[in-house]
Amino acid sequence: MMFAARPISAFVDRHPTVKMLALSFLLLIGVTLIAEGFGQHIPKGYVYFAMAFSVLVEALNLRARTARGTEPSPHSGPGRPLA
C-alpha cells in the first residue's frame, strides 16, 4: 500500500470529482452503520450496487473529459477557468 499511496494521491489531486466520490462513499457507509446500529437493516446489495454504479458513471465521465481535452488542471479551483 505504501508503494501505491503516491500515485493514488496524485490521481485524486488531478481529479477532484474522485475525491468527492470517495467522501460520498464514506458518508454512505457511515449512514449505513448508524442505521444498522438503530436496528434498521439495509441490504448490502443496495449499498454495493450504489457504489458500483457511481464508480461506473465517474469512470465514464473521466473518459469523456479526457477525450474532449477538458481535463481540469490540478490548480483550478472554484471560480477559476478550466485549463
Protein backbone atom coordinates (compact mmCIF):
# COMPACT_ATOMS: atom_id res chain seq x y z
CA MET A 1 0.00 0.00 0.00
CA MET A 2 2.87 2.36 0.64
CA PHE A 3 4.00 1.97 -2.97
CA ALA A 4 0.57 2.87 -4.30
CA ALA A 5 -0.02 5.86 -2.00
CA ARG A 6 1.81 8.44 -4.10
CA PRO A 7 0.27 7.55 -7.49
CA ILE A 8 -3.21 7.34 -5.97
CA SER A 9 -2.71 10.67 -4.22
CA ALA A 10 -1.57 12.29 -7.47
CA PHE A 11 -4.59 10.86 -9.31
CA VAL A 12 -7.01 12.17 -6.69
CA ASP A 13 -5.31 15.59 -6.76
CA ARG A 14 -5.77 15.74 -10.55
CA HIS A 15 -9.43 14.66 -10.36
CA PRO A 16 -11.38 16.42 -7.58
CA THR A 17 -14.58 14.59 -8.54
CA VAL A 18 -12.93 11.35 -7.43
CA LYS A 19 -12.26 12.95 -4.05
CA MET A 20 -15.93 13.89 -3.75
CA LEU A 21 -16.92 10.36 -4.75
CA ALA A 22 -14.69 8.88 -2.05
CA LEU A 23 -16.15 11.24 0.55
CA SER A 24 -19.67 10.30 -0.51
CA PHE A 25 -18.76 6.61 -0.12
CA LEU A 26 -17.58 7.31 3.42
CA LEU A 27 -20.83 9.12 4.14
CA LEU A 28 -22.87 6.25 2.67
CA ILE A 29 -21.04 3.69 4.77
CA GLY A 30 -21.39 5.85 7.88
CA VAL A 31 -25.13 6.28 7.41
CA THR A 32 -25.47 2.53 6.80
CA LEU A 33 -23.57 1.74 10.01
CA ILE A 34 -25.67 4.20 12.02
CA ALA A 35 -28.87 2.73 10.60
CA GLU A 36 -27.65 -0.78 11.47
CA GLY A 37 -26.89 0.44 14.98
CA PHE A 38 -30.51 1.58 15.36
CA GLY A 39 -31.72 -1.83 14.21
CA GLN A 40 -32.72 -0.83 10.68
CA HIS A 41 -31.40 -3.45 8.26
CA ILE A 42 -30.18 -2.16 4.88
CA PRO A 43 -29.37 -4.95 2.41
CA LYS A 44 -25.71 -4.77 1.48
CA GLY A 45 -26.55 -5.38 -2.18
CA TYR A 46 -28.19 -1.95 -2.35
CA VAL A 47 -25.11 -0.28 -0.93
CA TYR A 48 -22.71 -2.19 -3.19
CA PHE A 49 -24.85 -1.51 -6.27
CA ALA A 50 -24.97 2.21 -5.49
CA MET A 51 -21.21 2.33 -5.09
CA ALA A 52 -20.54 0.31 -8.26
CA PHE A 53 -22.94 2.44 -10.28
CA SER A 54 -21.29 5.64 -9.02
CA VAL A 55 -17.82 4.35 -9.91
CA LEU A 56 -19.03 3.37 -13.38
CA VAL A 57 -20.55 6.81 -14.01
CA GLU A 58 -17.41 8.55 -12.74
CA ALA A 59 -15.20 6.37 -14.96
CA LEU A 60 -17.33 7.30 -17.96
CA ASN A 61 -17.12 10.99 -17.01
CA LEU A 62 -13.33 10.83 -16.66
CA ARG A 63 -13.05 9.10 -20.00
CA ALA A 64 -15.32 11.64 -21.70
CA ARG A 65 -13.44 14.59 -20.22
CA THR A 66 -10.12 13.12 -21.33
CA ALA A 67 -11.44 12.52 -24.86
CA ARG A 68 -12.69 16.12 -25.10
CA GLY A 69 -9.49 17.51 -23.67
CA THR A 70 -11.28 19.45 -20.92
CA GLU A 71 -9.43 17.85 -18.04
CA PRO A 72 -9.09 20.41 -15.21
CA SER A 73 -5.61 21.40 -14.15
CA PRO A 74 -4.55 20.44 -10.63
CA HIS A 75 -4.65 24.09 -9.57
CA SER A 76 -8.05 25.04 -10.96
CA GLY A 77 -10.42 25.63 -8.14
CA PRO A 78 -13.90 27.05 -7.80
CA GLY A 79 -14.30 30.19 -9.87
CA ARG A 80 -11.19 29.55 -11.93
CA PRO A 81 -11.47 28.67 -15.62
CA LEU A 82 -10.53 25.17 -16.69
CA ALA A 83 -7.19 24.88 -18.46
